[in-house]
Amino acid sequence: MFFFQCLGLYLAIGLCVGAAFAFFGAGRAVAPRADISAPARVLLIPGAMVLWPLVLARWLGGGPRP
């Protein structure tokens, strides 16, 4: 039971971070002045939701740079 509660919490935080990233930070993180359409932003949410710790670290500037 505890595992499912932790998984639910992880996904809830991921949904918040993923949605915020997709609609506010994706244009800045992907490329400067990138014009990303609304359907493309919606497609970014599931990936950002699962990988939210990495997305948040990269978005805030503390993550690895290629």
C-alpha atoms as a PDB file:
ATOM      1  CA  MET A   1       0.000   0.000   0.000  1.00  0.00           C
ATOM      2  CA  PHE A   2       2.820   2.385   0.887  1.00  0.00           C
ATOM      3  CA  PHE A   3       4.400   1.798  -2.532  1.00  0.00           C
ATOM      4  CA  PHE A   4       1.258   2.923  -4.340  1.00  0.00           C
ATOM      5  CA  GLN A   5       0.959   6.014  -2.171  1.00  0.00           C
ATOM      6  CA  CYS A   6       4.553   6.962  -2.980  1.00  0.00           C
ATOM      7  CA  LEU A   7       3.960   6.265  -6.673  1.00  0.00           C
ATOM      8  CA  GLY A   8       0.833   8.426  -6.618  1.00  0.00           C
ATOM      9  CA  LEU A   9       2.708  11.253  -4.917  1.00  0.00           C
ATOM     10  CA  TYR A  10       5.572  10.964  -7.431  1.00  0.00           C
ATOM     11  CA  LEU A  11       3.144  11.138 -10.357  1.00  0.00           C
ATOM     12  CA  ALA A  12       1.165  14.013  -8.823  1.00  0.00           C
ATOM     13  CA  ILE A  13       4.332  16.069  -8.396  1.00  0.00           C
ATOM     14  CA  GLY A  14       5.368  14.999 -11.884  1.00  0.00           C
ATOM     15  CA  LEU A  15       2.084  16.192 -13.356  1.00  0.00           C
ATOM     16  CA  CYS A  16       2.500  19.617 -11.771  1.00  0.00           C
ATOM     17  CA  VAL A  17       6.136  19.974 -12.838  1.00  0.00           C
ATOM     18  CA  GLY A  18       5.455  18.515 -16.298  1.00  0.00           C
ATOM     19  CA  ALA A  19       2.536  20.824 -17.006  1.00  0.00           C
ATOM     20  CA  ALA A  20       4.420  23.870 -15.755  1.00  0.00           C
ATOM     21  CA  PHE A  21       7.454  22.938 -17.818  1.00  0.00           C
ATOM     22  CA  ALA A  22       5.443  22.227 -20.965  1.00  0.00           C
ATOM     23  CA  PHE A  23       3.589  25.534 -20.896  1.00  0.00           C
ATOM     24  CA  PHE A  24       6.174  27.883 -19.384  1.00  0.00           C
ATOM     25  CA  GLY A  25       9.672  26.425 -19.701  1.00  0.00           C
ATOM     26  CA  ALA A  26       9.792  24.261 -22.817  1.00  0.00           C
ATOM     27  CA  GLY A  27      10.454  27.105 -25.236  1.00  0.00           C
ATOM     28  CA  ARG A  28      13.424  28.282 -23.216  1.00  0.00           C
ATOM     29  CA  ALA A  29      14.831  24.794 -22.524  1.00  0.00           C
ATOM     30  CA  VAL A  30      14.475  23.368 -26.032  1.00  0.00           C
ATOM     31  CA  ALA A  31      15.834  26.307 -27.994  1.00  0.00           C
ATOM     32  CA  PRO A  32      15.927  30.045 -27.522  1.00  0.00           C
ATOM     33  CA  ARG A  33      12.841  31.687 -28.964  1.00  0.00           C
ATOM     34  CA  ALA A  34      11.430  28.346 -30.104  1.00  0.00           C
ATOM     35  CA  ASP A  35       7.817  28.448 -31.216  1.00  0.00           C
ATOM     36  CA  ILE A  36       6.279  25.252 -29.881  1.00  0.00           C
ATOM     37  CA  SER A  37       2.658  24.559 -30.778  1.00  0.00           C
ATOM     38  CA  ALA A  38       0.048  23.716 -28.151  1.00  0.00           C
ATOM     39  CA  PRO A  39      -0.334  20.062 -29.267  1.00  0.00           C
ATOM     40  CA  ALA A  40       3.435  19.605 -29.054  1.00  0.00           C
ATOM     41  CA  ARG A  41       3.418  21.050 -25.545  1.00  0.00           C
ATOM     42  CA  VAL A  42       0.715  18.572 -24.513  1.00  0.00           C
ATOM     43  CA  LEU A  43       2.877  15.732 -25.862  1.00  0.00           C
ATOM     44  CA  LEU A  44       5.762  16.887 -23.655  1.00  0.00           C
ATOM     45  CA  ILE A  45       3.759  16.426 -20.451  1.00  0.00           C
ATOM     46  CA  PRO A  46       3.940  12.598 -20.084  1.00  0.00           C
ATOM     47  CA  GLY A  47       7.694  12.468 -20.535  1.00  0.00           C
ATOM     48  CA  ALA A  48       8.284  15.415 -18.235  1.00  0.00           C
ATOM     49  CA  MET A  49       5.880  13.869 -15.744  1.00  0.00           C
ATOM     50  CA  VAL A  50       7.877  10.637 -15.472  1.00  0.00           C
ATOM     51  CA  LEU A  51      11.292  12.310 -15.540  1.00  0.00           C
ATOM     52  CA  TRP A  52      10.329  15.309 -13.403  1.00  0.00           C
ATOM     53  CA  PRO A  53      13.444  15.330 -11.164  1.00  0.00           C
ATOM     54  CA  LEU A  54      15.706  15.598 -14.216  1.00  0.00           C
ATOM     55  CA  VAL A  55      13.442  18.106 -15.935  1.00  0.00           C
ATOM     56  CA  LEU A  56      13.270  20.280 -12.845  1.00  0.00           C
ATOM     57  CA  ALA A  57      17.053  20.181 -12.357  1.00  0.00           C
ATOM     58  CA  ARG A  58      17.663  21.103 -15.993  1.00  0.00           C
ATOM     59  CA  TRP A  59      14.966  23.771 -15.979  1.00  0.00           C
ATOM     60  CA  LEU A  60      16.364  25.440 -12.878  1.00  0.00           C
ATOM     61  CA  GLY A  61      19.851  25.404 -14.335  1.00  0.00           C
ATOM     62  CA  GLY A  62      21.460  22.813 -12.101  1.00  0.00           C
ATOM     63  CA  GLY A  63      21.304  19.927 -14.535  1.00  0.00           C
ATOM     64  CA  PRO A  64      23.880  18.592 -16.944  1.00  0.00           C
ATOM     65  CA  ARG A  65      24.406  20.399 -20.229  1.00  0.00           C
ATOM     66  CA  PRO A  66      25.190  18.501 -23.445  1.00  0.00           C
END
